[in-house]
Structures are given as C-alpha cells and as structure tokens.
Amino acid sequence: MAIGTVPVFAVGGIASFLINEFMYKLVAVSQTNQVNELQNKIHLYMKDRFGDIQVMANLDMFSNPKWRETATREEKDQALTKIQESYGIYDSIAVLDTKGNVVAQTAGTPLQNLLNRTYIQAALKANGAIISQPAISATSGALSVYTASPIRDTATGQPIGFIRARIPVKELEKIMYNNNGQEQFYLINAQGQVFIGPEGEYVLDKLSSGAEVKPEKEDFLNIDVAEIFPQFEELRQKNQETVVADNLKMNSQRLIAYAPPIQVQGLPPLNWRTIVSADPDI
C-alpha cells in the first residue's frame, strides 16, 4: 500500500505546489498589467486636461485686445459656460486679471480674488500652464485638481491675466472604478497621501488657498499609503511590482500591485502613483 500510495501523494503534492505557484505568478502578472494600464490611463487623461487649459488661455475672447475690450462681462461668462458644457468635466472655470480679480467665470458661487491661490502662484512661478496636486476647494469644499495658465496679449505677448479650471476628483474616480472586477484601487499624490481609495475620496488637510483644514472625516484625513499598507515602502524601495500586504484599514491581507510615477511627454511631472489591490484567496 505504501509503495502504491506514497508516490501518488508525493506527485500530487508537487503538482499542487507547482500549480499554485503558476497561478500566483499568472495573477501577479495580470495585476501588474492592470495597474500599469490604469496609471497610463490616468496620466493620459491629465495630459488632455493640460492641453485644455493651454487652449483656453489662447481664446480670442480673453487674449485678443480687440475682443477683450469690446466683449461684455455677460458675453465672457457665456463663453466660459459653453466651454464648460462642451467638456463636461470642469465644475468651475474662471479668468482673472493680473491682480487676481475675476473678470469672467462660469455659473456658481461668485469668486473672490484668487491671486494667492496655490495654483495661481504656481502658474506665475512657472510662467506657463500647470496642474496642481489635489486640494480641497476653498470655495466649494470639494476635493479638486486645478489647471491654470497665464493669458498673454496676442499683440504684445505680455501676460494680462490668468485662466484656471477646476476638476473634481470625482471625475478621476470614474476612470479608477470603470470596471466590473473584484479589485480595489488607490491613487496617491506626490506627497505619498492617498486621495482616492475603495471608500471613495480620502480627505487631504490643505485647502486650495494653502490653509489647513480639519474636516469631519478624521479617519481619512491626510492618510499616507504606508498607514494602509505597511509593506508598501519595502515594495517601493525594492522596485517590486506585486506583494501580499496587510491592509490595516480593512484588517485583511491583499495582493497589491504598484505602479511608480511615470513621465508622459507633454505633461508636467505629477508624481502620482497607483495601487491595485485584490483578495489573494481569489
């Protein structure tokens, strides 16, 4: 009996081990491909937004002195509203003069002087178009990403103001969760803070004005990715792509795939990172 059964169990055990190893590697490769695809998709989406703000900055309504001086405030507001409706992405677009005073905006809460907003100061420093890190809007209270650019007079080439557009992070969530799988997704900003996770938007502790904020959702305030996955730093330093990690927020183990920051031609460095998380048992 031993001669007949031991080889069977031995071969069966070896086969089971090899199959498990093969399946793990297969799933790991699939997760890696998925997280890289998602990372590319997000960055290409933001590249389009970067192109949008540059197109807006060159609108004759605001850059051409003849049009700028003859158009009424109502006509300028209507022009921005048509752009907003056309894209269906931005919840606010505004044009400012060089002192930060609003000269045109889309419908909504009337905006005050925006010169000291972090994104306007960034555009001023860069002397060109920029994309901000996520921040809580000081006006709407929504977690948002901003694009901004100086506007230059077509006749003189001199800056005569700014244009800025606000993208709710919810628009990025649509890209993150456009699937029917069992995976969970995390988007991480340049400071290593999670701003999109399986619970939806995480809350950062900065307003677009640069001021600190203390929202009600303290559990999700200023969450560093290492506070969710303690093995993340090791994964990042070793330049690995997948690892089974503890999820401290969900008190469970997850197979996570990590995509490091990438550089896309025609897009300023965002230094955003992406994680795809799956149940290792599945």
C-alpha atoms as a PDB file:
ATOM      1  CA  MET A   1       0.000   0.000   0.000  1.00  0.00           C
ATOM      2  CA  ALA A   2       2.821   2.406   0.877  1.00  0.00           C
ATOM      3  CA  ILE A   3       4.599   1.645  -2.383  1.00  0.00           C
ATOM      4  CA  GLY A   4       1.368   2.365  -4.252  1.00  0.00           C
ATOM      5  CA  THR A   5       0.136   5.450  -2.399  1.00  0.00           C
ATOM      6  CA  VAL A   6       3.218   7.435  -1.300  1.00  0.00           C
ATOM      7  CA  PRO A   7       4.365   8.209  -4.880  1.00  0.00           C
ATOM      8  CA  VAL A   8       0.823   9.274  -5.764  1.00  0.00           C
ATOM      9  CA  PHE A   9       0.615  11.673  -2.803  1.00  0.00           C
ATOM     10  CA  ALA A  10       4.133  12.956  -3.468  1.00  0.00           C
ATOM     11  CA  VAL A  11       3.468  13.625  -7.134  1.00  0.00           C
ATOM     12  CA  GLY A  12       0.094  15.138  -6.293  1.00  0.00           C
ATOM     13  CA  GLY A  13       1.630  17.425  -3.681  1.00  0.00           C
ATOM     14  CA  ILE A  14       4.364  18.573  -6.030  1.00  0.00           C
ATOM     15  CA  ALA A  15       1.827  19.158  -8.792  1.00  0.00           C
ATOM     16  CA  SER A  16      -0.424  21.147  -6.452  1.00  0.00           C
ATOM     17  CA  PHE A  17       2.529  23.283  -5.324  1.00  0.00           C
ATOM     18  CA  LEU A  18       3.628  23.952  -8.891  1.00  0.00           C
ATOM     19  CA  ILE A  19       0.088  24.811  -9.978  1.00  0.00           C
ATOM     20  CA  ASN A  20      -0.316  27.223  -7.048  1.00  0.00           C
ATOM     21  CA  GLU A  21       2.991  28.905  -7.896  1.00  0.00           C
ATOM     22  CA  PHE A  22       1.997  29.151 -11.541  1.00  0.00           C
ATOM     23  CA  MET A  23      -1.421  30.610 -10.713  1.00  0.00           C
ATOM     24  CA  TYR A  24       0.113  33.158  -8.317  1.00  0.00           C
ATOM     25  CA  LYS A  25       2.565  34.309 -10.968  1.00  0.00           C
ATOM     26  CA  LEU A  26      -0.214  34.460 -13.528  1.00  0.00           C
ATOM     27  CA  VAL A  27      -2.392  36.611 -11.261  1.00  0.00           C
ATOM     28  CA  ALA A  28       0.598  38.790 -10.301  1.00  0.00           C
ATOM     29  CA  VAL A  29       1.365  39.469 -13.961  1.00  0.00           C
ATOM     30  CA  SER A  30      -2.296  40.274 -14.603  1.00  0.00           C
ATOM     31  CA  GLN A  31      -2.371  42.694 -11.631  1.00  0.00           C
ATOM     32  CA  THR A  32       0.839  44.358 -12.791  1.00  0.00           C
ATOM     33  CA  ASN A  33      -0.532  44.844 -16.289  1.00  0.00           C
ATOM     34  CA  GLN A  34      -3.748  46.248 -14.860  1.00  0.00           C
ATOM     35  CA  VAL A  35      -2.069  48.772 -12.544  1.00  0.00           C
ATOM     36  CA  ASN A  36       0.265  49.961 -15.314  1.00  0.00           C
ATOM     37  CA  GLU A  37      -2.650  50.331 -17.711  1.00  0.00           C
ATOM     38  CA  LEU A  38      -4.580  52.329 -15.107  1.00  0.00           C
ATOM     39  CA  GLN A  39      -1.552  54.529 -14.384  1.00  0.00           C
ATOM     40  CA  ASN A  40      -1.159  55.290 -18.093  1.00  0.00           C
ATOM     41  CA  LYS A  41      -4.875  55.983 -18.495  1.00  0.00           C
ATOM     42  CA  ILE A  42      -4.894  58.498 -15.634  1.00  0.00           C
ATOM     43  CA  HIS A  43      -1.840  60.329 -16.933  1.00  0.00           C
ATOM     44  CA  LEU A  44      -3.160  60.490 -20.499  1.00  0.00           C
ATOM     45  CA  TYR A  45      -6.427  61.879 -19.103  1.00  0.00           C
ATOM     46  CA  MET A  46      -4.494  64.586 -17.244  1.00  0.00           C
ATOM     47  CA  LYS A  47      -2.414  65.296 -20.351  1.00  0.00           C
ATOM     48  CA  ASP A  48      -5.675  66.136 -22.132  1.00  0.00           C
ATOM     49  CA  ARG A  49      -6.609  68.487 -19.285  1.00  0.00           C
ATOM     50  CA  PHE A  50      -3.194  70.141 -19.552  1.00  0.00           C
ATOM     51  CA  GLY A  51      -3.871  70.691 -23.242  1.00  0.00           C
ATOM     52  CA  ASP A  52      -7.338  72.081 -22.457  1.00  0.00           C
ATOM     53  CA  ILE A  53      -6.039  74.878 -20.248  1.00  0.00           C
ATOM     54  CA  GLN A  54      -3.499  75.934 -22.866  1.00  0.00           C
ATOM     55  CA  VAL A  55      -6.246  76.115 -25.486  1.00  0.00           C
ATOM     56  CA  MET A  56      -8.425  78.138 -23.116  1.00  0.00           C
ATOM     57  CA  ALA A  57      -5.555  80.555 -22.420  1.00  0.00           C
ATOM     58  CA  ASN A  58      -5.424  81.411 -26.122  1.00  0.00           C
ATOM     59  CA  LEU A  59      -9.117  82.165 -26.604  1.00  0.00           C
ATOM     60  CA  ASP A  60      -9.534  85.412 -28.561  1.00  0.00           C
ATOM     61  CA  MET A  61     -12.242  86.490 -26.125  1.00  0.00           C
ATOM     62  CA  PHE A  62      -9.540  86.988 -23.491  1.00  0.00           C
ATOM     63  CA  SER A  63      -6.177  87.190 -25.298  1.00  0.00           C
ATOM     64  CA  ASN A  64      -7.042  89.370 -28.297  1.00  0.00           C
ATOM     65  CA  PRO A  65      -7.141  93.032 -27.153  1.00  0.00           C
ATOM     66  CA  LYS A  66      -9.884  93.941 -29.635  1.00  0.00           C
ATOM     67  CA  TRP A  67     -12.221  91.176 -28.488  1.00  0.00           C
ATOM     68  CA  ARG A  68     -11.260  91.514 -24.847  1.00  0.00           C
ATOM     69  CA  GLU A  69     -12.127  95.206 -24.696  1.00  0.00           C
ATOM     70  CA  THR A  70     -15.384  95.027 -26.651  1.00  0.00           C
ATOM     71  CA  ALA A  71     -16.909  91.881 -25.096  1.00  0.00           C
ATOM     72  CA  THR A  72     -19.190  92.421 -22.105  1.00  0.00           C
ATOM     73  CA  ARG A  73     -18.864  90.544 -18.830  1.00  0.00           C
ATOM     74  CA  GLU A  74     -22.002  88.586 -19.690  1.00  0.00           C
ATOM     75  CA  GLU A  75     -20.552  87.516 -23.042  1.00  0.00           C
ATOM     76  CA  LYS A  76     -17.323  86.399 -21.381  1.00  0.00           C
ATOM     77  CA  ASP A  77     -19.236  84.391 -18.767  1.00  0.00           C
ATOM     78  CA  GLN A  78     -21.299  82.778 -21.516  1.00  0.00           C
ATOM     79  CA  ALA A  79     -18.155  81.849 -23.465  1.00  0.00           C
ATOM     80  CA  LEU A  80     -16.728  80.065 -20.428  1.00  0.00           C
ATOM     81  CA  THR A  81     -20.049  78.346 -19.754  1.00  0.00           C
ATOM     82  CA  LYS A  82     -20.137  76.967 -23.304  1.00  0.00           C
ATOM     83  CA  ILE A  83     -16.630  75.578 -22.815  1.00  0.00           C
ATOM     84  CA  GLN A  84     -17.657  74.029 -19.514  1.00  0.00           C
ATOM     85  CA  GLU A  85     -20.731  72.389 -21.056  1.00  0.00           C
ATOM     86  CA  SER A  86     -18.711  71.169 -24.024  1.00  0.00           C
ATOM     87  CA  TYR A  87     -16.118  69.358 -21.909  1.00  0.00           C
ATOM     88  CA  GLY A  88     -18.475  68.141 -19.172  1.00  0.00           C
ATOM     89  CA  ILE A  89     -15.502  67.760 -16.802  1.00  0.00           C
ATOM     90  CA  TYR A  90     -14.890  71.110 -15.106  1.00  0.00           C
ATOM     91  CA  ASP A  91     -17.182  72.358 -12.345  1.00  0.00           C
ATOM     92  CA  SER A  92     -15.700  75.872 -12.491  1.00  0.00           C
ATOM     93  CA  ILE A  93     -13.673  77.926 -14.967  1.00  0.00           C
ATOM     94  CA  ALA A  94     -12.543  81.485 -14.254  1.00  0.00           C
ATOM     95  CA  VAL A  95     -10.487  84.219 -15.906  1.00  0.00           C
ATOM     96  CA  LEU A  96      -8.553  86.667 -13.736  1.00  0.00           C
ATOM     97  CA  ASP A  97      -6.669  89.880 -14.336  1.00  0.00           C
ATOM     98  CA  THR A  98      -3.020  90.203 -13.282  1.00  0.00           C
ATOM     99  CA  LYS A  99      -4.075  91.201  -9.765  1.00  0.00           C
ATOM    100  CA  GLY A 100      -6.212  88.074  -9.334  1.00  0.00           C
ATOM    101  CA  ASN A 101      -9.592  89.792  -9.692  1.00  0.00           C
ATOM    102  CA  VAL A 102     -12.203  87.700 -11.501  1.00  0.00           C
ATOM    103  CA  VAL A 103     -13.187  89.145 -14.892  1.00  0.00           C
ATOM    104  CA  ALA A 104     -15.258  86.142 -16.040  1.00  0.00           C
ATOM    105  CA  GLN A 105     -16.460  82.862 -14.571  1.00  0.00           C
ATOM    106  CA  THR A 106     -18.920  80.040 -15.074  1.00  0.00           C
ATOM    107  CA  ALA A 107     -22.131  79.874 -13.050  1.00  0.00           C
ATOM    108  CA  GLY A 108     -21.810  79.229  -9.332  1.00  0.00           C
ATOM    109  CA  THR A 109     -20.641  80.981  -6.201  1.00  0.00           C
ATOM    110  CA  PRO A 110     -19.131  84.370  -7.161  1.00  0.00           C
ATOM    111  CA  LEU A 111     -15.375  84.025  -6.786  1.00  0.00           C
ATOM    112  CA  GLN A 112     -13.284  86.479  -4.805  1.00  0.00           C
ATOM    113  CA  ASN A 113      -9.695  87.476  -5.572  1.00  0.00           C
ATOM    114  CA  LEU A 114      -7.678  84.327  -6.382  1.00  0.00           C
ATOM    115  CA  LEU A 115      -4.159  85.740  -6.681  1.00  0.00           C
ATOM    116  CA  ASN A 116      -2.911  83.975  -3.549  1.00  0.00           C
ATOM    117  CA  ARG A 117      -4.297  80.569  -4.518  1.00  0.00           C
ATOM    118  CA  THR A 118      -1.518  77.986  -4.672  1.00  0.00           C
ATOM    119  CA  TYR A 119      -2.265  77.082  -8.297  1.00  0.00           C
ATOM    120  CA  ILE A 120      -2.146  80.724  -9.484  1.00  0.00           C
ATOM    121  CA  GLN A 121       1.146  81.242  -7.687  1.00  0.00           C
ATOM    122  CA  ALA A 122       2.454  78.051  -9.315  1.00  0.00           C
ATOM    123  CA  ALA A 123       1.433  79.292 -12.775  1.00  0.00           C
ATOM    124  CA  LEU A 124       3.031  82.644 -12.032  1.00  0.00           C
ATOM    125  CA  LYS A 125       6.279  80.972 -10.958  1.00  0.00           C
ATOM    126  CA  ALA A 126       6.307  78.589 -13.934  1.00  0.00           C
ATOM    127  CA  ASN A 127       5.332  81.390 -16.324  1.00  0.00           C
ATOM    128  CA  GLY A 128       3.181  78.804 -18.065  1.00  0.00           C
ATOM    129  CA  ALA A 129       0.479  76.178 -17.647  1.00  0.00           C
ATOM    130  CA  ILE A 130       0.459  73.948 -14.544  1.00  0.00           C
ATOM    131  CA  ILE A 131      -1.504  71.101 -12.963  1.00  0.00           C
ATOM    132  CA  SER A 132      -1.911  71.205  -9.188  1.00  0.00           C
ATOM    133  CA  GLN A 133      -1.798  68.426  -6.656  1.00  0.00           C
ATOM    134  CA  PRO A 134      -5.261  67.571  -5.254  1.00  0.00           C
ATOM    135  CA  ALA A 135      -6.581  70.101  -2.741  1.00  0.00           C
ATOM    136  CA  ILE A 136      -9.880  70.934  -1.121  1.00  0.00           C
ATOM    137  CA  SER A 137     -11.566  73.837  -2.876  1.00  0.00           C
ATOM    138  CA  ALA A 138     -11.760  76.840  -0.570  1.00  0.00           C
ATOM    139  CA  THR A 139     -14.972  77.796  -2.401  1.00  0.00           C
ATOM    140  CA  SER A 140     -16.921  74.563  -2.967  1.00  0.00           C
ATOM    141  CA  GLY A 141     -15.314  72.322  -0.334  1.00  0.00           C
ATOM    142  CA  ALA A 142     -14.845  69.558  -2.941  1.00  0.00           C
ATOM    143  CA  LEU A 143     -11.571  67.713  -3.377  1.00  0.00           C
ATOM    144  CA  SER A 144     -10.264  69.028  -6.691  1.00  0.00           C
ATOM    145  CA  VAL A 145      -7.354  69.240  -9.096  1.00  0.00           C
ATOM    146  CA  TYR A 146      -6.655  72.602 -10.751  1.00  0.00           C
ATOM    147  CA  THR A 147      -5.159  73.553 -14.076  1.00  0.00           C
ATOM    148  CA  ALA A 148      -4.035  77.141 -14.565  1.00  0.00           C
ATOM    149  CA  SER A 149      -2.146  79.230 -17.104  1.00  0.00           C
ATOM    150  CA  PRO A 150      -1.178  82.835 -17.743  1.00  0.00           C
ATOM    151  CA  ILE A 151      -3.068  84.580 -20.554  1.00  0.00           C
ATOM    152  CA  ARG A 152      -0.881  86.566 -22.959  1.00  0.00           C
ATOM    153  CA  ASP A 153      -1.912  89.508 -25.084  1.00  0.00           C
ATOM    154  CA  THR A 154      -1.795  88.412 -28.738  1.00  0.00           C
ATOM    155  CA  ALA A 155      -0.495  91.835 -29.767  1.00  0.00           C
ATOM    156  CA  THR A 156       2.300  92.307 -27.229  1.00  0.00           C
ATOM    157  CA  GLY A 157       2.937  88.815 -25.874  1.00  0.00           C
ATOM    158  CA  GLN A 158       2.769  90.197 -22.352  1.00  0.00           C
ATOM    159  CA  PRO A 159       0.771  88.412 -19.614  1.00  0.00           C
ATOM    160  CA  ILE A 160      -2.537  90.148 -18.981  1.00  0.00           C
ATOM    161  CA  GLY A 161      -4.142  87.669 -16.578  1.00  0.00           C
ATOM    162  CA  PHE A 162      -4.768  84.034 -15.765  1.00  0.00           C
ATOM    163  CA  ILE A 163      -7.283  81.308 -16.517  1.00  0.00           C
ATOM    164  CA  ARG A 164      -7.943  78.428 -14.164  1.00  0.00           C
ATOM    165  CA  ALA A 165     -10.187  75.366 -14.388  1.00  0.00           C
ATOM    166  CA  ARG A 166     -11.283  73.130 -11.518  1.00  0.00           C
ATOM    167  CA  ILE A 167     -11.629  69.352 -11.964  1.00  0.00           C
ATOM    168  CA  PRO A 168     -13.478  67.483  -9.183  1.00  0.00           C
ATOM    169  CA  VAL A 169     -11.571  64.379  -8.098  1.00  0.00           C
ATOM    170  CA  LYS A 170     -14.857  62.517  -8.695  1.00  0.00           C
ATOM    171  CA  GLU A 171     -14.043  62.747 -12.406  1.00  0.00           C
ATOM    172  CA  LEU A 172     -10.861  60.763 -11.763  1.00  0.00           C
ATOM    173  CA  GLU A 173     -12.853  58.241  -9.722  1.00  0.00           C
ATOM    174  CA  LYS A 174     -14.855  57.439 -12.850  1.00  0.00           C
ATOM    175  CA  ILE A 175     -11.637  56.301 -14.520  1.00  0.00           C
ATOM    176  CA  MET A 176     -10.469  54.366 -11.464  1.00  0.00           C
ATOM    177  CA  TYR A 177     -13.685  52.410 -10.988  1.00  0.00           C
ATOM    178  CA  ASN A 178     -14.676  51.799 -14.600  1.00  0.00           C
ATOM    179  CA  ASN A 179     -14.533  48.011 -14.276  1.00  0.00           C
ATOM    180  CA  ASN A 180     -16.518  45.027 -13.009  1.00  0.00           C
ATOM    181  CA  GLY A 181     -13.723  43.169 -11.190  1.00  0.00           C
ATOM    182  CA  GLN A 182     -13.065  42.436  -7.530  1.00  0.00           C
ATOM    183  CA  GLU A 183     -10.091  44.782  -7.321  1.00  0.00           C
ATOM    184  CA  GLN A 184      -9.710  47.926  -5.244  1.00  0.00           C
ATOM    185  CA  PHE A 185      -7.831  50.993  -6.442  1.00  0.00           C
ATOM    186  CA  TYR A 186      -5.725  53.661  -4.774  1.00  0.00           C
ATOM    187  CA  LEU A 187      -4.392  56.892  -6.261  1.00  0.00           C
ATOM    188  CA  ILE A 188      -1.552  58.538  -4.357  1.00  0.00           C
ATOM    189  CA  ASN A 189      -0.351  62.134  -4.659  1.00  0.00           C
ATOM    190  CA  ALA A 190       3.221  63.429  -4.822  1.00  0.00           C
ATOM    191  CA  GLN A 191       3.401  63.608  -1.002  1.00  0.00           C
ATOM    192  CA  GLY A 192       2.524  59.918  -0.623  1.00  0.00           C
ATOM    193  CA  GLN A 193      -1.025  60.651   0.542  1.00  0.00           C
ATOM    194  CA  VAL A 194      -3.965  58.611  -0.738  1.00  0.00           C
ATOM    195  CA  PHE A 195      -6.626  60.811  -2.326  1.00  0.00           C
ATOM    196  CA  ILE A 196      -8.738  58.115  -3.969  1.00  0.00           C
ATOM    197  CA  GLY A 197      -9.350  54.728  -2.371  1.00  0.00           C
ATOM    198  CA  PRO A 198     -12.028  52.000  -2.212  1.00  0.00           C
ATOM    199  CA  GLU A 199     -14.069  54.127   0.195  1.00  0.00           C
ATOM    200  CA  GLY A 200     -14.146  56.946  -2.378  1.00  0.00           C
ATOM    201  CA  GLU A 201     -12.334  60.225  -1.830  1.00  0.00           C
ATOM    202  CA  TYR A 202      -9.899  60.452   1.027  1.00  0.00           C
ATOM    203  CA  VAL A 203      -9.586  63.884   2.597  1.00  0.00           C
ATOM    204  CA  LEU A 204      -6.414  65.939   2.453  1.00  0.00           C
ATOM    205  CA  ASP A 205      -5.584  68.589   5.012  1.00  0.00           C
ATOM    206  CA  LYS A 206      -4.948  71.511   2.659  1.00  0.00           C
ATOM    207  CA  LEU A 207      -7.270  73.989   1.008  1.00  0.00           C
ATOM    208  CA  SER A 208      -6.549  75.369  -2.439  1.00  0.00           C
ATOM    209  CA  SER A 209      -5.690  78.601  -0.640  1.00  0.00           C
ATOM    210  CA  GLY A 210      -2.885  76.793   1.183  1.00  0.00           C
ATOM    211  CA  ALA A 211      -4.666  76.965   4.540  1.00  0.00           C
ATOM    212  CA  GLU A 212      -5.046  73.874   6.720  1.00  0.00           C
ATOM    213  CA  VAL A 213      -8.467  72.323   7.187  1.00  0.00           C
ATOM    214  CA  LYS A 214      -9.919  69.872   9.680  1.00  0.00           C
ATOM    215  CA  PRO A 215     -12.837  68.063   8.035  1.00  0.00           C
ATOM    216  CA  GLU A 216     -15.287  65.746   9.776  1.00  0.00           C
ATOM    217  CA  LYS A 217     -13.883  62.566   8.183  1.00  0.00           C
ATOM    218  CA  GLU A 218     -10.895  62.398  10.549  1.00  0.00           C
ATOM    219  CA  ASP A 219     -10.396  58.670   9.787  1.00  0.00           C
ATOM    220  CA  PHE A 220      -9.436  59.558   6.233  1.00  0.00           C
ATOM    221  CA  LEU A 221      -7.538  62.761   6.926  1.00  0.00           C
ATOM    222  CA  ASN A 222      -4.081  63.027   5.414  1.00  0.00           C
ATOM    223  CA  ILE A 223      -3.679  59.246   5.045  1.00  0.00           C
ATOM    224  CA  ASP A 224      -0.218  58.134   3.964  1.00  0.00           C
ATOM    225  CA  VAL A 225      -0.239  54.969   1.872  1.00  0.00           C
ATOM    226  CA  ALA A 226       2.147  53.309   4.358  1.00  0.00           C
ATOM    227  CA  GLU A 227      -0.561  53.688   7.020  1.00  0.00           C
ATOM    228  CA  ILE A 228      -2.767  51.408   4.925  1.00  0.00           C
ATOM    229  CA  PHE A 229      -0.121  49.011   3.589  1.00  0.00           C
ATOM    230  CA  PRO A 230       2.908  48.880   5.935  1.00  0.00           C
ATOM    231  CA  GLN A 231       4.814  46.775   3.370  1.00  0.00           C
ATOM    232  CA  PHE A 232       4.447  49.489   0.749  1.00  0.00           C
ATOM    233  CA  GLU A 233       7.749  51.225   1.489  1.00  0.00           C
ATOM    234  CA  GLU A 234       9.645  47.953   1.126  1.00  0.00           C
ATOM    235  CA  LEU A 235       7.794  47.297  -2.122  1.00  0.00           C
ATOM    236  CA  ARG A 236       8.706  50.755  -3.411  1.00  0.00           C
ATOM    237  CA  GLN A 237      12.349  50.615  -2.381  1.00  0.00           C
ATOM    238  CA  LYS A 238      12.912  47.168  -3.878  1.00  0.00           C
ATOM    239  CA  ASN A 239      11.156  48.282  -7.055  1.00  0.00           C
ATOM    240  CA  GLN A 240       8.888  45.245  -6.863  1.00  0.00           C
ATOM    241  CA  GLU A 241       5.593  45.175  -8.711  1.00  0.00           C
ATOM    242  CA  THR A 242       3.430  42.886  -6.544  1.00  0.00           C
ATOM    243  CA  VAL A 243       3.396  41.674  -2.947  1.00  0.00           C
ATOM    244  CA  VAL A 244       0.930  40.210  -0.454  1.00  0.00           C
ATOM    245  CA  ALA A 245       0.470  43.007   2.092  1.00  0.00           C
ATOM    246  CA  ASP A 246      -1.560  43.691   5.219  1.00  0.00           C
ATOM    247  CA  ASN A 247      -4.344  46.249   4.822  1.00  0.00           C
ATOM    248  CA  LEU A 248      -4.545  47.876   8.244  1.00  0.00           C
ATOM    249  CA  LYS A 249      -7.721  49.792   7.407  1.00  0.00           C
ATOM    250  CA  MET A 250      -9.616  46.647   6.407  1.00  0.00           C
ATOM    251  CA  ASN A 251      -7.793  44.241   8.727  1.00  0.00           C
ATOM    252  CA  SER A 252      -7.102  41.805   5.907  1.00  0.00           C
ATOM    253  CA  GLN A 253      -4.385  40.677   3.554  1.00  0.00           C
ATOM    254  CA  ARG A 254      -4.372  41.885  -0.058  1.00  0.00           C
ATOM    255  CA  LEU A 255      -2.335  41.187  -3.150  1.00  0.00           C
ATOM    256  CA  ILE A 256      -1.215  44.656  -4.223  1.00  0.00           C
ATOM    257  CA  ALA A 257       0.333  45.743  -7.499  1.00  0.00           C
ATOM    258  CA  TYR A 258       2.138  49.071  -7.572  1.00  0.00           C
ATOM    259  CA  ALA A 259       2.842  51.489 -10.429  1.00  0.00           C
ATOM    260  CA  PRO A 260       5.547  54.092  -9.653  1.00  0.00           C
ATOM    261  CA  PRO A 261       5.455  57.682 -11.001  1.00  0.00           C
ATOM    262  CA  ILE A 262       5.763  57.924 -14.768  1.00  0.00           C
ATOM    263  CA  GLN A 263       6.686  60.720 -17.136  1.00  0.00           C
ATOM    264  CA  VAL A 264       4.388  61.379 -20.091  1.00  0.00           C
ATOM    265  CA  GLN A 265       5.620  63.598 -22.883  1.00  0.00           C
ATOM    266  CA  GLY A 266       3.732  66.883 -22.912  1.00  0.00           C
ATOM    267  CA  LEU A 267       2.669  66.582 -19.254  1.00  0.00           C
ATOM    268  CA  PRO A 268       4.428  68.148 -16.245  1.00  0.00           C
ATOM    269  CA  PRO A 269       5.559  65.554 -13.654  1.00  0.00           C
ATOM    270  CA  LEU A 270       2.619  64.727 -11.394  1.00  0.00           C
ATOM    271  CA  ASN A 271       4.494  62.126  -9.330  1.00  0.00           C
ATOM    272  CA  TRP A 272       1.213  60.275  -8.806  1.00  0.00           C
ATOM    273  CA  ARG A 273       1.307  56.574  -8.008  1.00  0.00           C
ATOM    274  CA  THR A 274      -1.294  53.861  -8.373  1.00  0.00           C
ATOM    275  CA  ILE A 275      -2.076  50.651  -6.480  1.00  0.00           C
ATOM    276  CA  VAL A 276      -4.431  47.843  -7.500  1.00  0.00           C
ATOM    277  CA  SER A 277      -5.443  45.612  -4.586  1.00  0.00           C
ATOM    278  CA  ALA A 278      -7.087  42.157  -4.797  1.00  0.00           C
ATOM    279  CA  ASP A 279      -8.077  39.349  -2.443  1.00  0.00           C
ATOM    280  CA  PRO A 280      -5.161  36.868  -2.539  1.00  0.00           C
ATOM    281  CA  ASP A 281      -7.530  33.915  -1.934  1.00  0.00           C
ATOM    282  CA  ILE A 282      -9.469  34.764  -5.076  1.00  0.00           C
END
